[in-house]
PDB file of N, CA and C in Angstrom:
ATOM      1  N   MET A   1       0.994  -1.212   0.177  1.00  0.00           N
ATOM      2  CA  MET A   1      -0.121  -0.051  -0.025  1.00  0.00           C
ATOM      3  C   MET A   1       0.589   1.422  -0.063  1.00  0.00           C
ATOM      4  N   THR A   2       1.035   2.036  -1.159  1.00  0.00           N
ATOM      5  CA  THR A   2       1.626   3.593  -1.456  1.00  0.00           C
ATOM      6  C   THR A   2       0.359   4.232  -1.007  1.00  0.00           C
ATOM      7  N   PRO A   3       0.731   5.218   0.071  1.00  0.00           N
ATOM      8  CA  PRO A   3      -0.241   6.301   0.050  1.00  0.00           C
ATOM      9  C   PRO A   3      -0.042   7.402  -0.282  1.00  0.00           C
ATOM     10  N   ASP A   4      -1.001   8.454  -0.495  1.00  0.00           N
ATOM     11  CA  ASP A   4      -0.871   9.550  -1.231  1.00  0.00           C
ATOM     12  C   ASP A   4      -0.537  10.179  -0.753  1.00  0.00           C
ATOM     13  N   LYS A   5       0.819  11.131  -1.305  1.00  0.00           N
ATOM     14  CA  LYS A   5       1.864  11.888  -0.162  1.00  0.00           C
ATOM     15  C   LYS A   5       1.570  12.485   0.559  1.00  0.00           C
ATOM     16  N   ARG A   6       0.179  12.659   0.494  1.00  0.00           N
ATOM     17  CA  ARG A   6      -0.173  13.758   1.871  1.00  0.00           C
ATOM     18  C   ARG A   6      -1.851  14.006   2.462  1.00  0.00           C
ATOM     19  N   THR A   7      -2.225  12.796   2.702  1.00  0.00           N
ATOM     20  CA  THR A   7      -3.095  12.012   3.012  1.00  0.00           C
ATOM     21  C   THR A   7      -3.641  11.999   4.601  1.00  0.00           C
ATOM     22  N   ILE A   8      -4.360  12.229   5.312  1.00  0.00           N
ATOM     23  CA  ILE A   8      -4.660  12.382   6.631  1.00  0.00           C
ATOM     24  C   ILE A   8      -5.882  11.707   6.593  1.00  0.00           C
ATOM     25  N   LEU A   9      -6.181  10.423   7.709  1.00  0.00           N
ATOM     26  CA  LEU A   9      -6.873  10.221   7.958  1.00  0.00           C
ATOM     27  C   LEU A   9      -7.611  10.482   9.460  1.00  0.00           C
ATOM     28  N   TYR A  10      -8.974  11.147   9.744  1.00  0.00           N
ATOM     29  CA  TYR A  10      -9.296  12.040  10.893  1.00  0.00           C
ATOM     30  C   TYR A  10     -10.343  11.347  11.059  1.00  0.00           C
ATOM     31  N   VAL A  11     -10.000  10.782  12.954  1.00  0.00           N
ATOM     32  CA  VAL A  11     -10.752   9.532  13.470  1.00  0.00           C
ATOM     33  C   VAL A  11     -11.731  11.109  14.057  1.00  0.00           C
ATOM     34  N   GLU A  12     -13.033  11.184  13.850  1.00  0.00           N
ATOM     35  CA  GLU A  12     -13.977  12.062  14.693  1.00  0.00           C
ATOM     36  C   GLU A  12     -15.170  12.248  14.593  1.00  0.00           C
ATOM     37  N   ASP A  13     -15.806  11.493  16.000  1.00  0.00           N
ATOM     38  CA  ASP A  13     -17.482  11.374  15.383  1.00  0.00           C
ATOM     39  C   ASP A  13     -18.461  12.776  15.389  1.00  0.00           C
ATOM     40  N   ASN A  14     -17.375  13.831  15.507  1.00  0.00           N
ATOM     41  CA  ASN A  14     -18.473  15.130  16.007  1.00  0.00           C
ATOM     42  C   ASN A  14     -17.815  15.577  14.369  1.00  0.00           C
ATOM     43  N   GLN A  15     -19.675  16.298  13.898  1.00  0.00           N
ATOM     44  CA  GLN A  15     -19.537  16.532  12.016  1.00  0.00           C
ATOM     45  C   GLN A  15     -19.100  17.773  11.960  1.00  0.00           C
ATOM     46  N   ASP A  16     -19.242  18.472  13.286  1.00  0.00           N
ATOM     47  CA  ASP A  16     -19.063  20.122  13.251  1.00  0.00           C
ATOM     48  C   ASP A  16     -17.008  19.919  12.741  1.00  0.00           C
ATOM     49  N   ASN A  17     -16.562  19.310  13.827  1.00  0.00           N
ATOM     50  CA  ASN A  17     -15.108  19.088  14.045  1.00  0.00           C
ATOM     51  C   ASN A  17     -14.473  18.776  12.407  1.00  0.00           C
ATOM     52  N   ARG A  18     -14.627  17.625  12.386  1.00  0.00           N
ATOM     53  CA  ARG A  18     -14.469  16.985  11.061  1.00  0.00           C
ATOM     54  C   ARG A  18     -14.439  17.909   9.929  1.00  0.00           C
ATOM     55  N   LEU A  19     -15.843  18.869   9.856  1.00  0.00           N
ATOM     56  CA  LEU A  19     -15.833  19.510   8.434  1.00  0.00           C
ATOM     57  C   LEU A  19     -14.874  20.821   8.583  1.00  0.00           C
ATOM     58  N   LEU A  20     -14.559  21.223   9.643  1.00  0.00           N
ATOM     59  CA  LEU A  20     -13.685  22.603  10.120  1.00  0.00           C
ATOM     60  C   LEU A  20     -12.510  22.058   9.762  1.00  0.00           C
ATOM     61  N   VAL A  21     -11.823  20.501  10.271  1.00  0.00           N
ATOM     62  CA  VAL A  21     -10.664  20.281   9.938  1.00  0.00           C
ATOM     63  C   VAL A  21     -10.574  20.315   8.493  1.00  0.00           C
ATOM     64  N   ARG A  22     -11.206  19.382   7.997  1.00  0.00           N
ATOM     65  CA  ARG A  22     -11.034  19.015   6.607  1.00  0.00           C
ATOM     66  C   ARG A  22     -11.146  20.500   5.788  1.00  0.00           C
ATOM     67  N   ARG A  23     -11.821  21.868   5.829  1.00  0.00           N
ATOM     68  CA  ARG A  23     -11.730  22.822   5.194  1.00  0.00           C
ATOM     69  C   ARG A  23     -10.304  23.242   5.323  1.00  0.00           C
ATOM     70  N   VAL A  24      -9.626  23.506   6.378  1.00  0.00           N
ATOM     71  CA  VAL A  24      -8.371  24.049   7.103  1.00  0.00           C
ATOM     72  C   VAL A  24      -7.129  23.095   6.343  1.00  0.00           C
ATOM     73  N   LEU A  25      -7.501  21.961   6.153  1.00  0.00           N
ATOM     74  CA  LEU A  25      -6.354  21.043   5.834  1.00  0.00           C
ATOM     75  C   LEU A  25      -7.127  20.881   4.192  1.00  0.00           C
ATOM     76  N   GLU A  26      -7.730  20.918   3.409  1.00  0.00           N
ATOM     77  CA  GLU A  26      -7.895  20.903   1.521  1.00  0.00           C
ATOM     78  C   GLU A  26      -7.492  21.929   1.471  1.00  0.00           C
ATOM     79  N   ALA A  27      -7.619  23.202   2.020  1.00  0.00           N
ATOM     80  CA  ALA A  27      -6.885  24.633   1.598  1.00  0.00           C
ATOM     81  C   ALA A  27      -5.341  24.827   2.057  1.00  0.00           C
ATOM     82  N   SER A  28      -4.647  23.743   2.764  1.00  0.00           N
ATOM     83  CA  SER A  28      -3.519  23.807   2.142  1.00  0.00           C
ATOM     84  C   SER A  28      -3.205  22.369   1.297  1.00  0.00           C
ATOM     85  N   GLY A  29      -3.654  22.123   0.905  1.00  0.00           N
ATOM     86  CA  GLY A  29      -3.092  20.968  -0.122  1.00  0.00           C
ATOM     87  C   GLY A  29      -3.331  19.613   0.320  1.00  0.00           C
ATOM     88  N   TYR A  30      -4.059  18.982   1.479  1.00  0.00           N
ATOM     89  CA  TYR A  30      -4.477  17.950   1.829  1.00  0.00           C
ATOM     90  C   TYR A  30      -5.219  17.024   1.489  1.00  0.00           C
ATOM     91  N   ALA A  31      -5.422  15.943   1.291  1.00  0.00           N
ATOM     92  CA  ALA A  31      -6.219  15.322   0.804  1.00  0.00           C
ATOM     93  C   ALA A  31      -7.176  14.518   2.417  1.00  0.00           C
ATOM     94  N   VAL A  32      -8.221  14.691   2.890  1.00  0.00           N
ATOM     95  CA  VAL A  32      -8.858  13.943   4.180  1.00  0.00           C
ATOM     96  C   VAL A  32      -9.773  13.039   4.171  1.00  0.00           C
ATOM     97  N   ASP A  33      -9.348  12.388   4.747  1.00  0.00           N
ATOM     98  CA  ASP A  33     -10.622  11.257   5.028  1.00  0.00           C
ATOM     99  C   ASP A  33     -10.927  10.838   5.815  1.00  0.00           C
ATOM    100  N   GLU A  34     -12.352  10.768   6.133  1.00  0.00           N
ATOM    101  CA  GLU A  34     -12.632  10.637   7.702  1.00  0.00           C
ATOM    102  C   GLU A  34     -13.203   9.475   8.030  1.00  0.00           C
ATOM    103  N   ALA A  35     -13.433   8.816   9.149  1.00  0.00           N
ATOM    104  CA  ALA A  35     -14.046   7.837   9.979  1.00  0.00           C
ATOM    105  C   ALA A  35     -14.930   9.064  11.404  1.00  0.00           C
ATOM    106  N   LYS A  36     -15.985   8.296  11.271  1.00  0.00           N
ATOM    107  CA  LYS A  36     -16.341   8.602  12.386  1.00  0.00           C
ATOM    108  C   LYS A  36     -16.677   8.209  13.866  1.00  0.00           C
ATOM    109  N   ASN A  37     -15.542   6.767  13.941  1.00  0.00           N
ATOM    110  CA  ASN A  37     -15.737   5.967  14.752  1.00  0.00           C
ATOM    111  C   ASN A  37     -14.366   5.134  14.831  1.00  0.00           C
ATOM    112  N   ALA A  38     -14.441   4.235  15.838  1.00  0.00           N
ATOM    113  CA  ALA A  38     -13.181   3.228  15.506  1.00  0.00           C
ATOM    114  C   ALA A  38     -13.401   2.156  14.744  1.00  0.00           C
ATOM    115  N   GLN A  39     -14.574   1.626  14.595  1.00  0.00           N
ATOM    116  CA  GLN A  39     -14.652   0.467  13.633  1.00  0.00           C
ATOM    117  C   GLN A  39     -14.491   1.414  12.098  1.00  0.00           C
ATOM    118  N   GLU A  40     -14.837   2.442  11.669  1.00  0.00           N
ATOM    119  CA  GLU A  40     -14.773   2.807  10.492  1.00  0.00           C
ATOM    120  C   GLU A  40     -13.439   3.125  10.496  1.00  0.00           C
ATOM    121  N   ALA A  41     -12.854   3.431  11.468  1.00  0.00           N
ATOM    122  CA  ALA A  41     -11.389   3.791  11.027  1.00  0.00           C
ATOM    123  C   ALA A  41     -10.432   2.108  10.963  1.00  0.00           C
ATOM    124  N   LEU A  42     -11.121   1.428  11.607  1.00  0.00           N
ATOM    125  CA  LEU A  42     -10.386   0.320  11.545  1.00  0.00           C
ATOM    126  C   LEU A  42     -10.760  -0.384  10.086  1.00  0.00           C
ATOM    127  N   GLY A  43     -12.042  -0.199   9.833  1.00  0.00           N
ATOM    128  CA  GLY A  43     -12.344  -0.701   8.153  1.00  0.00           C
ATOM    129  C   GLY A  43     -11.142   0.286   7.581  1.00  0.00           C
ATOM    130  N   TYR A  44     -11.063   1.406   6.992  1.00  0.00           N
ATOM    131  CA  TYR A  44     -10.438   2.192   6.321  1.00  0.00           C
ATOM    132  C   TYR A  44      -9.118   1.497   6.289  1.00  0.00           C
ATOM    133  N   LEU A  45      -8.410   1.646   7.261  1.00  0.00           N
ATOM    134  CA  LEU A  45      -7.105   0.751   7.452  1.00  0.00           C
ATOM    135  C   LEU A  45      -6.576  -0.550   6.886  1.00  0.00           C
ATOM    136  N   ASN A  46      -7.653  -1.397   6.716  1.00  0.00           N
ATOM    137  CA  ASN A  46      -8.060  -2.490   6.181  1.00  0.00           C
ATOM    138  C   ASN A  46      -7.713  -2.492   4.251  1.00  0.00           C
ATOM    139  N   THR A  47      -8.278  -1.177   4.261  1.00  0.00           N
ATOM    140  CA  THR A  47      -7.457  -1.076   2.396  1.00  0.00           C
ATOM    141  C   THR A  47      -6.549  -0.005   2.306  1.00  0.00           C
ATOM    142  N   LYS A  48      -6.314   1.192   3.307  1.00  0.00           N
ATOM    143  CA  LYS A  48      -5.642   2.119   2.930  1.00  0.00           C
ATOM    144  C   LYS A  48      -4.478   2.400   3.969  1.00  0.00           C
ATOM    145  N   SER A  49      -3.466   3.593   3.427  1.00  0.00           N
ATOM    146  CA  SER A  49      -2.456   3.448   4.224  1.00  0.00           C
ATOM    147  C   SER A  49      -2.236   5.307   4.249  1.00  0.00           C
ATOM    148  N   PRO A  50      -2.754   6.085   5.295  1.00  0.00           N
ATOM    149  CA  PRO A  50      -2.759   7.964   5.044  1.00  0.00           C
ATOM    150  C   PRO A  50      -1.152   7.416   5.761  1.00  0.00           C
ATOM    151  N   ASN A  51      -1.061   9.112   5.601  1.00  0.00           N
ATOM    152  CA  ASN A  51       0.104   9.917   5.763  1.00  0.00           C
ATOM    153  C   ASN A  51       0.516  10.284   7.124  1.00  0.00           C
ATOM    154  N   LEU A  52      -0.920  10.417   7.841  1.00  0.00           N
ATOM    155  CA  LEU A  52      -0.658  10.724   9.326  1.00  0.00           C
ATOM    156  C   LEU A  52      -2.473  10.479   9.462  1.00  0.00           C
ATOM    157  N   ILE A  53      -2.452  10.152  11.166  1.00  0.00           N
ATOM    158  CA  ILE A  53      -4.112   9.710  11.531  1.00  0.00           C
ATOM    159  C   ILE A  53      -4.260  10.936  12.480  1.00  0.00           C
ATOM    160  N   LEU A  54      -5.110  12.112  12.280  1.00  0.00           N
ATOM    161  CA  LEU A  54      -5.310  12.651  13.414  1.00  0.00           C
ATOM    162  C   LEU A  54      -6.422  11.963  13.919  1.00  0.00           C
ATOM    163  N   MET A  55      -6.245  11.879  15.779  1.00  0.00           N
ATOM    164  CA  MET A  55      -7.165  11.413  16.540  1.00  0.00           C
ATOM    165  C   MET A  55      -7.473  11.629  17.442  1.00  0.00           C
ATOM    166  N   ASP A  56      -9.754  11.588  17.510  1.00  0.00           N
ATOM    167  CA  ASP A  56      -9.925  12.413  18.482  1.00  0.00           C
ATOM    168  C   ASP A  56     -10.132  11.441  19.855  1.00  0.00           C
ATOM    169  N   ILE A  57     -10.156  11.853  20.892  1.00  0.00           N
ATOM    170  CA  ILE A  57      -9.650  10.769  22.213  1.00  0.00           C
ATOM    171  C   ILE A  57     -11.079  10.579  22.606  1.00  0.00           C
ATOM    172  N   SER A  58     -12.376  11.555  22.725  1.00  0.00           N
ATOM    173  CA  SER A  58     -13.423  11.134  23.162  1.00  0.00           C
ATOM    174  C   SER A  58     -14.196  10.692  22.197  1.00  0.00           C
ATOM    175  N   MET A  59     -14.373   9.242  22.261  1.00  0.00           N
ATOM    176  CA  MET A  59     -15.516   8.857  21.041  1.00  0.00           C
ATOM    177  C   MET A  59     -16.551   7.856  21.830  1.00  0.00           C
ATOM    178  N   PRO A  60     -17.231   7.635  21.383  1.00  0.00           N
ATOM    179  CA  PRO A  60     -18.458   6.683  21.733  1.00  0.00           C
ATOM    180  C   PRO A  60     -18.032   5.394  22.121  1.00  0.00           C
ATOM    181  N   ASP A  61     -17.676   4.515  20.824  1.00  0.00           N
ATOM    182  CA  ASP A  61     -17.529   3.134  21.040  1.00  0.00           C
ATOM    183  C   ASP A  61     -16.241   2.952  21.378  1.00  0.00           C
ATOM    184  N   MET A  62     -15.094   3.420  21.180  1.00  0.00           N
ATOM    185  CA  MET A  62     -13.985   3.157  21.749  1.00  0.00           C
ATOM    186  C   MET A  62     -13.061   4.631  21.919  1.00  0.00           C
ATOM    187  N   ASP A  63     -12.355   4.593  22.660  1.00  0.00           N
ATOM    188  CA  ASP A  63     -11.520   6.062  22.997  1.00  0.00           C
ATOM    189  C   ASP A  63     -10.160   5.904  22.018  1.00  0.00           C
ATOM    190  N   GLY A  64     -10.055   7.079  21.450  1.00  0.00           N
ATOM    191  CA  GLY A  64      -8.633   7.778  21.107  1.00  0.00           C
ATOM    192  C   GLY A  64      -7.590   6.618  21.259  1.00  0.00           C
ATOM    193  N   TYR A  65      -7.734   6.514  22.915  1.00  0.00           N
ATOM    194  CA  TYR A  65      -5.960   5.868  23.353  1.00  0.00           C
ATOM    195  C   TYR A  65      -6.293   4.379  23.195  1.00  0.00           C
ATOM    196  N   ALA A  66      -7.270   3.908  23.007  1.00  0.00           N
ATOM    197  CA  ALA A  66      -7.171   2.246  22.911  1.00  0.00           C
ATOM    198  C   ALA A  66      -7.148   1.980  21.824  1.00  0.00           C
ATOM    199  N   LEU A  67      -7.986   3.130  20.355  1.00  0.00           N
ATOM    200  CA  LEU A  67      -7.851   3.000  19.161  1.00  0.00           C
ATOM    201  C   LEU A  67      -6.510   3.046  18.588  1.00  0.00           C
ATOM    202  N   THR A  68      -5.850   4.355  19.060  1.00  0.00           N
ATOM    203  CA  THR A  68      -4.073   4.440  18.986  1.00  0.00           C
ATOM    204  C   THR A  68      -2.906   3.382  19.363  1.00  0.00           C
ATOM    205  N   ALA A  69      -3.478   3.005  20.195  1.00  0.00           N
ATOM    206  CA  ALA A  69      -2.917   1.195  20.818  1.00  0.00           C
ATOM    207  C   ALA A  69      -3.119   0.153  19.962  1.00  0.00           C
ATOM    208  N   ARG A  70      -4.138   0.029  19.598  1.00  0.00           N
ATOM    209  CA  ARG A  70      -4.595  -0.795  18.844  1.00  0.00           C
ATOM    210  C   ARG A  70      -4.229  -1.004  17.365  1.00  0.00           C
ATOM    211  N   ILE A  71      -4.063   0.514  16.798  1.00  0.00           N
ATOM    212  CA  ILE A  71      -3.376   0.613  15.163  1.00  0.00           C
ATOM    213  C   ILE A  71      -1.599   0.702  15.676  1.00  0.00           C
ATOM    214  N   LYS A  72      -0.953   1.217  16.533  1.00  0.00           N
ATOM    215  CA  LYS A  72       0.054   0.943  16.516  1.00  0.00           C
ATOM    216  C   LYS A  72       0.810  -0.689  16.636  1.00  0.00           C
ATOM    217  N   ALA A  73      -0.549  -1.340  17.685  1.00  0.00           N
ATOM    218  CA  ALA A  73       0.285  -2.681  17.442  1.00  0.00           C
ATOM    219  C   ALA A  73      -0.175  -3.772  16.448  1.00  0.00           C
ATOM    220  N   MET A  74      -0.651  -3.095  14.958  1.00  0.00           N
ATOM    221  CA  MET A  74      -0.084  -3.421  13.679  1.00  0.00           C
ATOM    222  C   MET A  74       1.183  -3.232  13.115  1.00  0.00           C
ATOM    223  N   PRO A  75       1.807  -4.367  12.680  1.00  0.00           N
ATOM    224  CA  PRO A  75       3.084  -3.728  12.588  1.00  0.00           C
ATOM    225  C   PRO A  75       2.903  -2.903  11.113  1.00  0.00           C
ATOM    226  N   GLU A  76       2.352  -3.014  10.064  1.00  0.00           N
ATOM    227  CA  GLU A  76       2.435  -2.352   9.029  1.00  0.00           C
ATOM    228  C   GLU A  76       2.072  -0.443   9.245  1.00  0.00           C
ATOM    229  N   PHE A  77       1.649  -0.610  10.681  1.00  0.00           N
ATOM    230  CA  PHE A  77       1.177   0.511  11.251  1.00  0.00           C
ATOM    231  C   PHE A  77       2.077   1.101  12.680  1.00  0.00           C
ATOM    232  N   ALA A  78       2.901   0.705  12.576  1.00  0.00           N
ATOM    233  CA  ALA A  78       3.813   0.339  14.256  1.00  0.00           C
ATOM    234  C   ALA A  78       3.942   2.238  14.189  1.00  0.00           C
ATOM    235  N   LYS A  79       4.868   2.637  12.596  1.00  0.00           N
ATOM    236  CA  LYS A  79       5.528   3.827  12.843  1.00  0.00           C
ATOM    237  C   LYS A  79       4.531   4.959  12.245  1.00  0.00           C
ATOM    238  N   MET A  80       3.155   4.898  11.974  1.00  0.00           N
ATOM    239  CA  MET A  80       2.230   5.599  11.697  1.00  0.00           C
ATOM    240  C   MET A  80       2.145   6.835  12.180  1.00  0.00           C
ATOM    241  N   PRO A  81       2.619   8.056  11.753  1.00  0.00           N
ATOM    242  CA  PRO A  81       2.048   9.130  13.082  1.00  0.00           C
ATOM    243  C   PRO A  81       0.549   9.645  13.127  1.00  0.00           C
ATOM    244  N   ILE A  82       0.552   9.184  14.308  1.00  0.00           N
ATOM    245  CA  ILE A  82      -0.969  10.221  14.964  1.00  0.00           C
ATOM    246  C   ILE A  82      -0.841  10.538  15.951  1.00  0.00           C
ATOM    247  N   ILE A  83      -1.679  11.881  16.004  1.00  0.00           N
ATOM    248  CA  ILE A  83      -1.941  13.369  16.440  1.00  0.00           C
ATOM    249  C   ILE A  83      -3.207  13.133  17.413  1.00  0.00           C
ATOM    250  N   ALA A  84      -2.937  13.127  18.503  1.00  0.00           N
ATOM    251  CA  ALA A  84      -3.888  13.376  19.326  1.00  0.00           C
ATOM    252  C   ALA A  84      -4.888  14.639  19.171  1.00  0.00           C
ATOM    253  N   MET A  85      -6.549  14.510  19.030  1.00  0.00           N
ATOM    254  CA  MET A  85      -7.246  15.796  19.264  1.00  0.00           C
ATOM    255  C   MET A  85      -7.787  16.238  20.079  1.00  0.00           C
ATOM    256  N   THR A  86      -7.719  17.047  20.980  1.00  0.00           N
ATOM    257  CA  THR A  86      -8.768  16.710  21.957  1.00  0.00           C
ATOM    258  C   THR A  86      -8.773  17.953  23.096  1.00  0.00           C
ATOM    259  N   ALA A  87     -10.342  18.128  23.528  1.00  0.00           N
ATOM    260  CA  ALA A  87     -10.872  18.868  24.345  1.00  0.00           C
ATOM    261  C   ALA A  87      -9.732  18.545  25.805  1.00  0.00           C
ATOM    262  N   ASN A  88      -9.294  17.339  26.111  1.00  0.00           N
ATOM    263  CA  ASN A  88      -9.114  16.931  27.248  1.00  0.00           C
ATOM    264  C   ASN A  88      -7.336  17.638  27.912  1.00  0.00           C
ATOM    265  N   VAL A  89      -7.665  19.016  28.471  1.00  0.00           N
ATOM    266  CA  VAL A  89      -6.391  19.573  28.242  1.00  0.00           C
ATOM    267  C   VAL A  89      -6.239  19.430  30.174  1.00  0.00           C
ATOM    268  N   MET A  90      -6.155  18.626  31.085  1.00  0.00           N
ATOM    269  CA  MET A  90      -6.049  18.334  32.097  1.00  0.00           C
ATOM    270  C   MET A  90      -4.616  18.075  32.106  1.00  0.00           C
ATOM    271  N   ARG A  91      -4.041  18.172  33.193  1.00  0.00           N
ATOM    272  CA  ARG A  91      -3.149  17.852  33.669  1.00  0.00           C
ATOM    273  C   ARG A  91      -2.664  16.678  33.190  1.00  0.00           C
ATOM    274  N   GLY A  92      -1.497  15.627  32.949  1.00  0.00           N
ATOM    275  CA  GLY A  92      -1.626  14.369  32.315  1.00  0.00           C
ATOM    276  C   GLY A  92      -1.922  14.240  31.191  1.00  0.00           C
ATOM    277  N   ASP A  93      -3.231  14.636  30.822  1.00  0.00           N
ATOM    278  CA  ASP A  93      -4.300  14.395  29.354  1.00  0.00           C
ATOM    279  C   ASP A  93      -2.778  14.275  28.263  1.00  0.00           C
ATOM    280  N   ARG A  94      -1.601  15.080  28.147  1.00  0.00           N
ATOM    281  CA  ARG A  94      -0.583  14.858  27.285  1.00  0.00           C
ATOM    282  C   ARG A  94      -0.001  13.572  27.549  1.00  0.00           C
ATOM    283  N   GLU A  95      -0.013  13.886  28.598  1.00  0.00           N
ATOM    284  CA  GLU A  95       0.927  12.270  28.720  1.00  0.00           C
ATOM    285  C   GLU A  95       0.606  10.982  28.595  1.00  0.00           C
ATOM    286  N   ARG A  96      -0.881  10.794  28.757  1.00  0.00           N
ATOM    287  CA  ARG A  96      -2.043   9.942  28.738  1.00  0.00           C
ATOM    288  C   ARG A  96      -1.720   9.864  26.848  1.00  0.00           C
ATOM    289  N   SER A  97      -1.930  10.575  26.294  1.00  0.00           N
ATOM    290  CA  SER A  97      -2.025  10.622  25.229  1.00  0.00           C
ATOM    291  C   SER A  97      -0.848  10.114  24.145  1.00  0.00           C
ATOM    292  N   LEU A  98       0.744  10.437  24.733  1.00  0.00           N
ATOM    293  CA  LEU A  98       1.792  10.078  24.487  1.00  0.00           C
ATOM    294  C   LEU A  98       1.861   8.624  24.494  1.00  0.00           C
ATOM    295  N   GLU A  99       1.677   8.046  25.933  1.00  0.00           N
ATOM    296  CA  GLU A  99       2.010   6.735  26.516  1.00  0.00           C
ATOM    297  C   GLU A  99       1.060   5.777  25.468  1.00  0.00           C
ATOM    298  N   ALA A 100       0.159   6.285  25.581  1.00  0.00           N
ATOM    299  CA  ALA A 100      -0.880   5.765  24.394  1.00  0.00           C
ATOM    300  C   ALA A 100      -0.705   5.215  22.810  1.00  0.00           C
ATOM    301  N   GLY A 101       0.635   6.189  22.735  1.00  0.00           N
ATOM    302  CA  GLY A 101       1.266   5.466  21.416  1.00  0.00           C
ATOM    303  C   GLY A 101       1.292   6.820  20.280  1.00  0.00           C
ATOM    304  N   CYS A 102       0.244   7.851  20.751  1.00  0.00           N
ATOM    305  CA  CYS A 102       0.475   9.226  20.142  1.00  0.00           C
ATOM    306  C   CYS A 102       1.401   9.780  19.916  1.00  0.00           C
ATOM    307  N   ASP A 103       1.757  10.777  18.472  1.00  0.00           N
ATOM    308  CA  ASP A 103       3.058  11.177  18.209  1.00  0.00           C
ATOM    309  C   ASP A 103       3.404  12.626  18.792  1.00  0.00           C
ATOM    310  N   GLY A 104       1.888  13.226  18.716  1.00  0.00           N
ATOM    311  CA  GLY A 104       1.702  14.620  19.062  1.00  0.00           C
ATOM    312  C   GLY A 104       0.279  14.852  19.754  1.00  0.00           C
ATOM    313  N   TYR A 105       0.021  15.928  20.314  1.00  0.00           N
ATOM    314  CA  TYR A 105      -1.257  16.416  20.765  1.00  0.00           C
ATOM    315  C   TYR A 105      -1.683  17.585  20.617  1.00  0.00           C
ATOM    316  N   ILE A 106      -2.901  18.026  19.620  1.00  0.00           N
ATOM    317  CA  ILE A 106      -3.581  19.172  19.682  1.00  0.00           C
ATOM    318  C   ILE A 106      -4.622  19.533  20.579  1.00  0.00           C
ATOM    319  N   GLN A 107      -4.608  20.497  20.824  1.00  0.00           N
ATOM    320  CA  GLN A 107      -5.368  20.966  22.227  1.00  0.00           C
ATOM    321  C   GLN A 107      -6.920  21.663  21.030  1.00  0.00           C
ATOM    322  N   LYS A 108      -7.574  21.052  21.605  1.00  0.00           N
ATOM    323  CA  LYS A 108      -9.441  21.686  21.187  1.00  0.00           C
ATOM    324  C   LYS A 108      -9.816  22.909  21.502  1.00  0.00           C
ATOM    325  N   PRO A 109     -10.381  23.813  22.112  1.00  0.00           N
ATOM    326  CA  PRO A 109     -10.751  24.255  20.509  1.00  0.00           C
ATOM    327  C   PRO A 109      -9.313  24.336  19.309  1.00  0.00           C
ATOM    328  N   ILE A 110      -9.211  23.782  18.119  1.00  0.00           N
ATOM    329  CA  ILE A 110      -7.990  24.092  17.442  1.00  0.00           C
ATOM    330  C   ILE A 110      -7.642  25.303  17.317  1.00  0.00           C
ATOM    331  N   ASP A 111      -6.544  25.805  16.640  1.00  0.00           N
ATOM    332  CA  ASP A 111      -6.028  27.231  16.327  1.00  0.00           C
ATOM    333  C   ASP A 111      -6.189  27.144  14.689  1.00  0.00           C
ATOM    334  N   ILE A 112      -7.091  27.128  13.848  1.00  0.00           N
ATOM    335  CA  ILE A 112      -6.695  26.885  12.522  1.00  0.00           C
ATOM    336  C   ILE A 112      -5.713  27.592  11.826  1.00  0.00           C
ATOM    337  N   ASP A 113      -5.089  28.552  12.345  1.00  0.00           N
ATOM    338  CA  ASP A 113      -3.979  29.383  12.190  1.00  0.00           C
ATOM    339  C   ASP A 113      -2.595  28.540  11.915  1.00  0.00           C
ATOM    340  N   ASN A 114      -2.953  27.945  13.037  1.00  0.00           N
ATOM    341  CA  ASN A 114      -1.529  27.194  13.469  1.00  0.00           C
ATOM    342  C   ASN A 114      -1.424  25.052  12.819  1.00  0.00           C
ATOM    343  N   LEU A 115      -2.864  24.418  13.024  1.00  0.00           N
ATOM    344  CA  LEU A 115      -3.102  23.034  12.531  1.00  0.00           C
ATOM    345  C   LEU A 115      -2.326  22.920  12.058  1.00  0.00           C
ATOM    346  N   THR A 116      -2.172  23.310   9.840  1.00  0.00           N
ATOM    347  CA  THR A 116      -1.127  22.970   9.206  1.00  0.00           C
ATOM    348  C   THR A 116       0.453  22.748   9.650  1.00  0.00           C
ATOM    349  N   GLN A 117       0.708  23.782  10.047  1.00  0.00           N
ATOM    350  CA  GLN A 117       1.934  23.591  10.796  1.00  0.00           C
ATOM    351  C   GLN A 117       2.440  22.614  11.653  1.00  0.00           C
ATOM    352  N   GLN A 118       1.464  22.387  12.781  1.00  0.00           N
ATOM    353  CA  GLN A 118       1.669  21.163  13.579  1.00  0.00           C
ATOM    354  C   GLN A 118       1.643  20.040  12.851  1.00  0.00           C
ATOM    355  N   ILE A 119       0.382  19.880  12.014  1.00  0.00           N
ATOM    356  CA  ILE A 119       0.631  18.660  11.711  1.00  0.00           C
ATOM    357  C   ILE A 119       1.886  18.109  10.140  1.00  0.00           C
ATOM    358  N   GLU A 120       2.645  19.381   9.854  1.00  0.00           N
ATOM    359  CA  GLU A 120       3.462  19.178   9.013  1.00  0.00           C
ATOM    360  C   GLU A 120       5.028  18.928   9.598  1.00  0.00           C
ATOM    361  N   ARG A 121       4.803  18.869  11.073  1.00  0.00           N
ATOM    362  CA  ARG A 121       5.763  18.505  11.572  1.00  0.00           C
ATOM    363  C   ARG A 121       5.986  17.219  11.680  1.00  0.00           C
ATOM    364  N   TYR A 122       4.874  16.082  11.347  1.00  0.00           N
ATOM    365  CA  TYR A 122       4.677  14.992  11.754  1.00  0.00           C
ATOM    366  C   TYR A 122       4.812  13.923   9.923  1.00  0.00           C
ATOM    367  N   ILE A 123       4.051  15.373   9.180  1.00  0.00           N
ATOM    368  CA  ILE A 123       3.460  13.965   7.691  1.00  0.00           C
ATOM    369  C   ILE A 123       4.719  14.308   7.080  1.00  0.00           C
ATOM    370  N   ILE A 124       6.289  14.913   7.453  1.00  0.00           N
ATOM    371  CA  ILE A 124       7.272  14.977   6.316  1.00  0.00           C
ATOM    372  C   ILE A 124       7.730  14.444   6.849  1.00  0.00           C
ATOM    373  N   ARG A 125       7.915  12.671   7.261  1.00  0.00           N
ATOM    374  CA  ARG A 125       8.552  11.923   7.948  1.00  0.00           C
ATOM    375  C   ARG A 125       9.375  11.027   6.352  1.00  0.00           C
TER     376      ARG A 125
END
């Protein structure tokens, strides 16, 4: 599976968040694929390989910590950059995301002026 040069999978249950992030990233030249939950994300990864995953942490079926750990346990995705996007900004939340296997952490509400720069640190690997 050879990924598109700049394809991002955004795993997020909130439609408004998906729309906003899609608009910002597409305006910067990224292709954005979406999954509304863990099941959709895992199904997507059975057929495609993005360059990066943006992971919502608070989802109803399986939280982003568990999904990240599950994805990172798959040999073909062990090195996949995954960035947590979360409103969980209490002390220790960033560390918990990193311990789950996330490579980065972006707080919600997102800063649309800096989102692309935050992502580019990880996608150009």
